[in-house]
Amino acid sequence: MQPSVPPYDERLTAPRTWWLLAFGVGVACALMLLPLGGLFLLAGLVGGTAATAVVVSSYGSVRIRVVADSLVAGDARIPLSALGDAEALDAEEARAWRTYKADARAFMLLRGYIPTAVRVKVTDPADPTPYLYLSTREPQALIAALSTAPVASQD
């Protein structure tokens, strides 16, 4: 029996420029410690770069997956049976839903460096969350995965 491959799996990695900024923070830490000597300069460079790289890596390690009968977005796991229609949002519409159209009760997994998103309605009457806002580089692929994934019956 072959292991099931999730129909959708995306990691919202941080842009490459953020890694350059991590190195820049390391240089800044090194320059702050320059008056203390060369060893401290090196420690500041390595320590500052490493600490900032950990932050960048953790922020960019969030995943969106459609697995079995659930949508896993970051730490949230939502059964597909609780989800309604999904809508692909282009850059302008995604910005609108992040700002003035946003509902404070919505679950928002957003990354500002990803211009497009998907908005999925929550149909579970027991859940006060009106919709999920998910930043994604491939909105059409996520919608296709949500619509073709098997939904477990609620008997």
N, C-alpha and C. Protein backbone atom coordinates (compact mmCIF):
# COMPACT_ATOMS: atom_id res chain seq x y z
N MET A 1 0.84 -1.19 0.00
CA MET A 1 0.00 0.00 0.00
C MET A 1 0.88 1.25 0.00
N GLN A 2 0.62 2.15 -0.91
CA GLN A 2 1.42 3.35 -1.05
C GLN A 2 0.91 4.42 -0.08
N PRO A 3 1.83 5.13 0.62
CA PRO A 3 1.38 6.17 1.54
C PRO A 3 0.67 7.28 0.77
N SER A 4 -0.37 7.83 1.41
CA SER A 4 -1.14 8.87 0.73
C SER A 4 -0.35 10.18 0.70
N VAL A 5 -0.33 10.79 -0.45
CA VAL A 5 0.35 12.06 -0.63
C VAL A 5 -0.71 13.15 -0.50
N PRO A 6 -0.46 14.17 0.33
CA PRO A 6 -1.47 15.21 0.46
C PRO A 6 -1.69 15.92 -0.87
N PRO A 7 -2.95 16.21 -1.21
CA PRO A 7 -3.22 16.87 -2.48
C PRO A 7 -2.69 18.30 -2.53
N TYR A 8 -2.42 18.88 -1.37
CA TYR A 8 -1.90 20.24 -1.35
C TYR A 8 -0.98 20.38 -0.15
N ASP A 9 0.20 20.91 -0.37
CA ASP A 9 1.17 21.14 0.70
C ASP A 9 2.04 22.32 0.29
N GLU A 10 1.95 23.42 1.03
CA GLU A 10 2.71 24.62 0.70
C GLU A 10 3.37 25.16 1.97
N ARG A 11 4.63 25.48 1.86
CA ARG A 11 5.36 26.14 2.95
C ARG A 11 5.50 27.61 2.57
N LEU A 12 5.08 28.48 3.47
CA LEU A 12 5.11 29.92 3.20
C LEU A 12 6.47 30.49 3.60
N THR A 13 7.49 30.13 2.84
CA THR A 13 8.86 30.52 3.15
C THR A 13 9.06 32.03 3.03
N ALA A 14 9.95 32.52 3.86
CA ALA A 14 10.30 33.94 3.84
C ALA A 14 11.09 34.26 2.57
N PRO A 15 10.98 35.47 2.08
CA PRO A 15 11.73 35.85 0.87
C PRO A 15 13.24 35.83 1.11
N ARG A 16 13.98 35.69 0.04
CA ARG A 16 15.45 35.63 0.14
C ARG A 16 16.05 36.90 0.74
N THR A 17 15.42 38.03 0.50
CA THR A 17 15.96 39.28 1.04
C THR A 17 15.95 39.28 2.57
N TRP A 18 15.03 38.54 3.18
CA TRP A 18 15.01 38.48 4.64
C TRP A 18 16.26 37.82 5.19
N TRP A 19 16.81 36.87 4.43
CA TRP A 19 18.05 36.22 4.86
C TRP A 19 19.20 37.21 4.79
N LEU A 20 19.20 38.09 3.82
CA LEU A 20 20.21 39.15 3.77
C LEU A 20 20.06 40.10 4.94
N LEU A 21 18.81 40.39 5.31
CA LEU A 21 18.57 41.23 6.48
C LEU A 21 19.06 40.56 7.75
N ALA A 22 18.92 39.24 7.84
CA ALA A 22 19.43 38.51 9.00
C ALA A 22 20.94 38.69 9.12
N PHE A 23 21.63 38.62 7.99
CA PHE A 23 23.07 38.84 8.02
C PHE A 23 23.37 40.29 8.41
N GLY A 24 22.56 41.23 7.93
CA GLY A 24 22.73 42.64 8.28
C GLY A 24 22.57 42.88 9.77
N VAL A 25 21.63 42.19 10.39
CA VAL A 25 21.46 42.30 11.85
C VAL A 25 22.71 41.76 12.54
N GLY A 26 23.27 40.68 12.02
CA GLY A 26 24.51 40.14 12.58
C GLY A 26 25.65 41.14 12.48
N VAL A 27 25.76 41.82 11.35
CA VAL A 27 26.79 42.85 11.18
C VAL A 27 26.57 43.99 12.17
N ALA A 28 25.32 44.39 12.35
CA ALA A 28 25.02 45.46 13.31
C ALA A 28 25.40 45.04 14.73
N CYS A 29 25.11 43.79 15.09
CA CYS A 29 25.50 43.29 16.42
C CYS A 29 27.02 43.28 16.56
N ALA A 30 27.71 42.91 15.50
CA ALA A 30 29.17 42.89 15.52
C ALA A 30 29.72 44.31 15.71
N LEU A 31 29.16 45.27 15.01
CA LEU A 31 29.62 46.65 15.13
C LEU A 31 29.36 47.22 16.52
N MET A 32 28.26 46.80 17.15
CA MET A 32 28.00 47.27 18.52
C MET A 32 29.04 46.74 19.50
N LEU A 33 29.55 45.55 19.23
CA LEU A 33 30.53 44.95 20.13
C LEU A 33 31.98 45.22 19.71
N LEU A 34 32.20 45.97 18.65
CA LEU A 34 33.54 46.28 18.16
C LEU A 34 34.44 46.91 19.22
N PRO A 35 33.94 47.84 20.04
CA PRO A 35 34.84 48.44 21.04
C PRO A 35 35.39 47.43 22.07
N LEU A 36 34.74 46.28 22.20
CA LEU A 36 35.19 45.30 23.18
C LEU A 36 36.28 44.39 22.65
N GLY A 37 36.53 44.39 21.36
CA GLY A 37 37.61 43.59 20.80
C GLY A 37 37.14 42.69 19.68
N GLY A 38 38.11 42.05 19.04
CA GLY A 38 37.85 41.21 17.87
C GLY A 38 37.04 39.97 18.17
N LEU A 39 37.29 39.36 19.32
CA LEU A 39 36.54 38.15 19.68
C LEU A 39 35.06 38.47 19.89
N PHE A 40 34.80 39.60 20.54
CA PHE A 40 33.41 40.01 20.75
C PHE A 40 32.74 40.39 19.43
N LEU A 41 33.53 41.00 18.53
CA LEU A 41 33.02 41.34 17.20
C LEU A 41 32.57 40.07 16.48
N LEU A 42 33.40 39.05 16.51
CA LEU A 42 33.05 37.78 15.86
C LEU A 42 31.84 37.13 16.53
N ALA A 43 31.80 37.17 17.86
CA ALA A 43 30.66 36.60 18.60
C ALA A 43 29.37 37.34 18.25
N GLY A 44 29.45 38.66 18.13
CA GLY A 44 28.27 39.45 17.76
C GLY A 44 27.79 39.12 16.36
N LEU A 45 28.73 38.95 15.44
CA LEU A 45 28.37 38.60 14.06
C LEU A 45 27.69 37.24 14.00
N VAL A 46 28.31 36.25 14.62
CA VAL A 46 27.76 34.90 14.57
C VAL A 46 26.46 34.81 15.38
N GLY A 47 26.48 35.35 16.59
CA GLY A 47 25.28 35.27 17.45
C GLY A 47 24.10 36.04 16.90
N GLY A 48 24.35 37.26 16.42
CA GLY A 48 23.27 38.07 15.87
C GLY A 48 22.68 37.48 14.60
N THR A 49 23.56 36.98 13.74
CA THR A 49 23.09 36.35 12.50
C THR A 49 22.31 35.08 12.81
N ALA A 50 22.82 34.26 13.72
CA ALA A 50 22.14 33.01 14.06
C ALA A 50 20.78 33.26 14.70
N ALA A 51 20.71 34.19 15.63
CA ALA A 51 19.44 34.48 16.30
C ALA A 51 18.40 35.01 15.31
N THR A 52 18.82 35.90 14.43
CA THR A 52 17.89 36.45 13.44
C THR A 52 17.48 35.39 12.43
N ALA A 53 18.41 34.51 12.06
CA ALA A 53 18.09 33.43 11.13
C ALA A 53 17.06 32.47 11.73
N VAL A 54 17.12 32.23 13.02
CA VAL A 54 16.13 31.38 13.69
C VAL A 54 14.75 32.02 13.60
N VAL A 55 14.69 33.33 13.82
CA VAL A 55 13.41 34.04 13.75
C VAL A 55 12.85 34.00 12.33
N VAL A 56 13.69 34.27 11.34
CA VAL A 56 13.25 34.25 9.94
C VAL A 56 12.78 32.85 9.55
N SER A 57 13.54 31.85 9.96
CA SER A 57 13.19 30.47 9.62
C SER A 57 11.87 30.05 10.26
N SER A 58 11.66 30.40 11.52
CA SER A 58 10.41 30.00 12.17
C SER A 58 9.21 30.74 11.58
N TYR A 59 9.37 32.00 11.23
CA TYR A 59 8.27 32.75 10.62
C TYR A 59 7.93 32.20 9.24
N GLY A 60 8.93 31.74 8.53
CA GLY A 60 8.73 31.22 7.18
C GLY A 60 8.52 29.72 7.12
N SER A 61 8.32 29.08 8.25
CA SER A 61 8.15 27.62 8.23
C SER A 61 6.69 27.19 8.32
N VAL A 62 5.77 28.12 8.37
CA VAL A 62 4.35 27.78 8.46
C VAL A 62 3.91 27.09 7.18
N ARG A 63 3.04 26.10 7.34
CA ARG A 63 2.58 25.31 6.19
C ARG A 63 1.06 25.33 6.09
N ILE A 64 0.59 25.20 4.86
CA ILE A 64 -0.84 25.00 4.58
C ILE A 64 -0.93 23.66 3.86
N ARG A 65 -1.74 22.75 4.42
CA ARG A 65 -1.88 21.42 3.83
C ARG A 65 -3.34 21.00 3.84
N VAL A 66 -3.71 20.23 2.83
CA VAL A 66 -4.99 19.54 2.82
C VAL A 66 -4.63 18.07 2.99
N VAL A 67 -4.97 17.52 4.15
CA VAL A 67 -4.59 16.16 4.50
C VAL A 67 -5.83 15.40 4.94
N ALA A 68 -6.05 14.24 4.31
CA ALA A 68 -7.21 13.39 4.63
C ALA A 68 -8.48 14.23 4.56
N ASP A 69 -9.13 14.45 5.69
CA ASP A 69 -10.39 15.20 5.69
C ASP A 69 -10.24 16.53 6.43
N SER A 70 -9.03 17.10 6.44
CA SER A 70 -8.78 18.33 7.18
C SER A 70 -7.93 19.31 6.38
N LEU A 71 -8.13 20.57 6.71
CA LEU A 71 -7.26 21.64 6.23
C LEU A 71 -6.38 22.01 7.41
N VAL A 72 -5.08 21.91 7.23
CA VAL A 72 -4.14 22.26 8.28
C VAL A 72 -3.44 23.54 7.84
N ALA A 73 -3.66 24.60 8.61
CA ALA A 73 -3.08 25.91 8.29
C ALA A 73 -2.36 26.41 9.54
N GLY A 74 -1.05 26.32 9.52
CA GLY A 74 -0.30 26.69 10.71
C GLY A 74 -0.60 25.72 11.82
N ASP A 75 -1.03 26.22 12.97
CA ASP A 75 -1.39 25.38 14.11
C ASP A 75 -2.85 24.94 14.08
N ALA A 76 -3.63 25.49 13.19
CA ALA A 76 -5.06 25.18 13.13
C ALA A 76 -5.31 23.95 12.27
N ARG A 77 -6.25 23.13 12.72
CA ARG A 77 -6.68 21.95 11.96
C ARG A 77 -8.21 22.03 11.88
N ILE A 78 -8.72 22.21 10.66
CA ILE A 78 -10.15 22.43 10.45
C ILE A 78 -10.68 21.30 9.58
N PRO A 79 -11.73 20.60 10.05
CA PRO A 79 -12.31 19.55 9.19
C PRO A 79 -12.93 20.16 7.94
N LEU A 80 -12.77 19.47 6.83
CA LEU A 80 -13.30 19.98 5.56
C LEU A 80 -14.82 20.07 5.60
N SER A 81 -15.45 19.27 6.43
CA SER A 81 -16.91 19.32 6.54
C SER A 81 -17.40 20.64 7.14
N ALA A 82 -16.51 21.38 7.81
CA ALA A 82 -16.88 22.66 8.42
C ALA A 82 -16.61 23.84 7.50
N LEU A 83 -16.13 23.55 6.29
CA LEU A 83 -15.77 24.62 5.37
C LEU A 83 -16.75 24.73 4.22
N GLY A 84 -16.96 25.95 3.78
CA GLY A 84 -17.84 26.21 2.64
C GLY A 84 -17.05 26.58 1.41
N ASP A 85 -17.58 27.55 0.68
CA ASP A 85 -16.97 27.98 -0.57
C ASP A 85 -15.63 28.66 -0.33
N ALA A 86 -14.72 28.46 -1.28
CA ALA A 86 -13.40 29.10 -1.24
C ALA A 86 -13.30 30.08 -2.39
N GLU A 87 -12.67 31.20 -2.14
CA GLU A 87 -12.54 32.26 -3.14
C GLU A 87 -11.08 32.67 -3.27
N ALA A 88 -10.56 32.65 -4.48
CA ALA A 88 -9.20 33.12 -4.73
C ALA A 88 -9.19 34.64 -4.72
N LEU A 89 -8.20 35.20 -4.06
CA LEU A 89 -8.07 36.65 -3.96
C LEU A 89 -6.80 37.10 -4.66
N ASP A 90 -6.95 38.02 -5.63
CA ASP A 90 -5.76 38.57 -6.27
C ASP A 90 -5.11 39.55 -5.29
N ALA A 91 -4.03 40.16 -5.69
CA ALA A 91 -3.26 41.02 -4.78
C ALA A 91 -4.10 42.15 -4.20
N GLU A 92 -4.89 42.81 -5.04
CA GLU A 92 -5.68 43.95 -4.56
C GLU A 92 -6.80 43.50 -3.62
N GLU A 93 -7.49 42.45 -4.00
CA GLU A 93 -8.58 41.94 -3.16
C GLU A 93 -8.03 41.35 -1.85
N ALA A 94 -6.89 40.71 -1.90
CA ALA A 94 -6.26 40.17 -0.69
C ALA A 94 -5.90 41.30 0.27
N ARG A 95 -5.38 42.40 -0.27
CA ARG A 95 -5.06 43.55 0.57
C ARG A 95 -6.32 44.11 1.22
N ALA A 96 -7.40 44.15 0.48
CA ALA A 96 -8.66 44.65 1.03
C ALA A 96 -9.15 43.77 2.18
N TRP A 97 -9.04 42.44 2.02
CA TRP A 97 -9.50 41.53 3.07
C TRP A 97 -8.55 41.51 4.26
N ARG A 98 -7.31 41.96 4.08
CA ARG A 98 -6.38 42.08 5.21
C ARG A 98 -6.62 43.36 5.99
N THR A 99 -7.26 44.34 5.36
CA THR A 99 -7.39 45.65 5.99
C THR A 99 -8.85 46.00 6.27
N TYR A 100 -9.46 46.79 5.44
CA TYR A 100 -10.77 47.35 5.77
C TYR A 100 -11.93 46.36 5.67
N LYS A 101 -11.81 45.27 4.93
CA LYS A 101 -12.88 44.27 4.85
C LYS A 101 -12.73 43.18 5.92
N ALA A 102 -11.65 43.19 6.66
CA ALA A 102 -11.35 42.12 7.61
C ALA A 102 -12.37 42.07 8.75
N ASP A 103 -12.66 40.86 9.19
CA ASP A 103 -13.52 40.62 10.34
C ASP A 103 -12.60 40.17 11.48
N ALA A 104 -12.76 40.79 12.64
CA ALA A 104 -11.89 40.47 13.79
C ALA A 104 -12.03 39.02 14.24
N ARG A 105 -13.13 38.38 13.91
CA ARG A 105 -13.34 36.99 14.33
C ARG A 105 -12.72 35.98 13.37
N ALA A 106 -12.24 36.43 12.23
CA ALA A 106 -11.71 35.53 11.20
C ALA A 106 -10.37 34.94 11.62
N PHE A 107 -10.11 33.73 11.13
CA PHE A 107 -8.79 33.12 11.29
C PHE A 107 -7.94 33.59 10.14
N MET A 108 -6.85 34.28 10.46
CA MET A 108 -6.03 34.85 9.41
C MET A 108 -4.60 34.32 9.52
N LEU A 109 -4.22 33.57 8.51
CA LEU A 109 -2.84 33.12 8.38
C LEU A 109 -2.27 33.93 7.24
N LEU A 110 -1.73 35.08 7.58
CA LEU A 110 -1.29 35.98 6.52
C LEU A 110 0.20 36.24 6.61
N ARG A 111 0.77 36.39 5.47
CA ARG A 111 2.15 36.78 5.31
C ARG A 111 2.16 37.92 4.33
N GLY A 112 2.62 39.08 4.77
CA GLY A 112 2.60 40.29 3.95
C GLY A 112 3.41 40.20 2.68
N TYR A 113 4.39 39.31 2.66
CA TYR A 113 5.24 39.18 1.48
C TYR A 113 4.63 38.27 0.42
N ILE A 114 3.45 37.70 0.68
CA ILE A 114 2.75 36.89 -0.31
C ILE A 114 1.52 37.68 -0.73
N PRO A 115 1.46 38.12 -1.99
CA PRO A 115 0.39 39.03 -2.39
C PRO A 115 -0.99 38.40 -2.56
N THR A 116 -1.07 37.10 -2.85
CA THR A 116 -2.36 36.47 -3.11
C THR A 116 -2.80 35.63 -1.93
N ALA A 117 -4.10 35.33 -1.90
CA ALA A 117 -4.66 34.59 -0.77
C ALA A 117 -5.92 33.84 -1.20
N VAL A 118 -6.43 33.06 -0.26
CA VAL A 118 -7.70 32.35 -0.43
C VAL A 118 -8.55 32.66 0.79
N ARG A 119 -9.82 32.92 0.56
CA ARG A 119 -10.77 33.13 1.66
C ARG A 119 -11.76 31.97 1.61
N VAL A 120 -11.84 31.24 2.72
CA VAL A 120 -12.71 30.06 2.79
C VAL A 120 -13.76 30.32 3.87
N LYS A 121 -15.03 30.20 3.50
CA LYS A 121 -16.11 30.39 4.46
C LYS A 121 -16.17 29.22 5.41
N VAL A 122 -16.48 29.51 6.68
CA VAL A 122 -16.68 28.47 7.69
C VAL A 122 -18.18 28.30 7.85
N THR A 123 -18.66 27.06 7.64
CA THR A 123 -20.10 26.80 7.68
C THR A 123 -20.55 26.13 8.97
N ASP A 124 -19.65 25.81 9.85
CA ASP A 124 -20.00 25.18 11.12
C ASP A 124 -20.74 26.18 12.00
N PRO A 125 -22.01 25.92 12.35
CA PRO A 125 -22.77 26.89 13.15
C PRO A 125 -22.22 27.04 14.58
N ALA A 126 -21.49 26.07 15.07
CA ALA A 126 -20.93 26.15 16.42
C ALA A 126 -19.63 26.96 16.45
N ASP A 127 -19.08 27.28 15.30
CA ASP A 127 -17.82 28.02 15.22
C ASP A 127 -18.11 29.49 14.91
N PRO A 128 -17.68 30.41 15.77
CA PRO A 128 -17.95 31.83 15.51
C PRO A 128 -17.06 32.44 14.41
N THR A 129 -16.10 31.67 13.92
CA THR A 129 -15.20 32.16 12.87
C THR A 129 -15.95 32.25 11.55
N PRO A 130 -16.06 33.44 10.95
CA PRO A 130 -16.82 33.56 9.70
C PRO A 130 -16.08 33.00 8.47
N TYR A 131 -14.76 33.14 8.46
CA TYR A 131 -13.99 32.67 7.31
C TYR A 131 -12.53 32.49 7.71
N LEU A 132 -11.80 31.80 6.84
CA LEU A 132 -10.36 31.65 6.97
C LEU A 132 -9.71 32.48 5.88
N TYR A 133 -8.72 33.26 6.23
CA TYR A 133 -7.93 34.01 5.26
C TYR A 133 -6.55 33.35 5.26
N LEU A 134 -6.17 32.79 4.13
CA LEU A 134 -4.90 32.06 4.03
C LEU A 134 -4.04 32.66 2.91
N SER A 135 -2.92 33.23 3.27
CA SER A 135 -1.97 33.68 2.25
C SER A 135 -1.42 32.46 1.54
N THR A 136 -1.38 32.51 0.23
CA THR A 136 -0.86 31.40 -0.55
C THR A 136 -0.33 31.90 -1.87
N ARG A 137 0.73 31.28 -2.33
CA ARG A 137 1.28 31.63 -3.63
C ARG A 137 0.51 30.96 -4.76
N GLU A 138 -0.26 29.92 -4.43
CA GLU A 138 -1.00 29.16 -5.43
C GLU A 138 -2.48 29.04 -5.03
N PRO A 139 -3.23 30.13 -5.13
CA PRO A 139 -4.63 30.09 -4.67
C PRO A 139 -5.50 29.09 -5.44
N GLN A 140 -5.31 28.98 -6.75
CA GLN A 140 -6.14 28.06 -7.54
C GLN A 140 -5.86 26.60 -7.15
N ALA A 141 -4.60 26.28 -6.88
CA ALA A 141 -4.25 24.91 -6.48
C ALA A 141 -4.86 24.57 -5.12
N LEU A 142 -4.86 25.53 -4.20
CA LEU A 142 -5.46 25.28 -2.88
C LEU A 142 -6.97 25.09 -3.01
N ILE A 143 -7.62 25.90 -3.81
CA ILE A 143 -9.07 25.75 -4.01
C ILE A 143 -9.38 24.41 -4.65
N ALA A 144 -8.58 24.01 -5.63
CA ALA A 144 -8.79 22.70 -6.27
C ALA A 144 -8.62 21.57 -5.27
N ALA A 145 -7.62 21.66 -4.40
CA ALA A 145 -7.40 20.63 -3.39
C ALA A 145 -8.55 20.58 -2.39
N LEU A 146 -9.08 21.74 -2.02
CA LEU A 146 -10.20 21.77 -1.08
C LEU A 146 -11.46 21.17 -1.71
N SER A 147 -11.64 21.38 -2.99
CA SER A 147 -12.86 20.89 -3.64
C SER A 147 -12.78 19.41 -4.00
N THR A 148 -11.56 18.87 -4.18
CA THR A 148 -11.44 17.47 -4.56
C THR A 148 -11.11 16.56 -3.39
N ALA A 149 -10.79 17.12 -2.24
CA ALA A 149 -10.44 16.29 -1.09
C ALA A 149 -11.68 15.56 -0.57
N PRO A 150 -11.51 14.31 -0.12
CA PRO A 150 -12.65 13.58 0.41
C PRO A 150 -13.09 14.16 1.74
N VAL A 151 -14.38 14.28 1.94
CA VAL A 151 -14.94 14.80 3.18
C VAL A 151 -15.52 13.64 3.96
N ALA A 152 -15.12 13.50 5.22
CA ALA A 152 -15.63 12.43 6.06
C ALA A 152 -17.09 12.72 6.40
N SER A 153 -17.90 11.68 6.38
CA SER A 153 -19.32 11.87 6.67
C SER A 153 -19.52 12.07 8.16
N GLN A 154 -20.48 12.89 8.51
CA GLN A 154 -20.82 13.21 9.90
C GLN A 154 -22.03 12.41 10.33
N ASP A 155 -21.87 11.10 10.59
CA ASP A 155 -23.00 10.26 10.99
C ASP A 155 -23.18 10.20 12.48
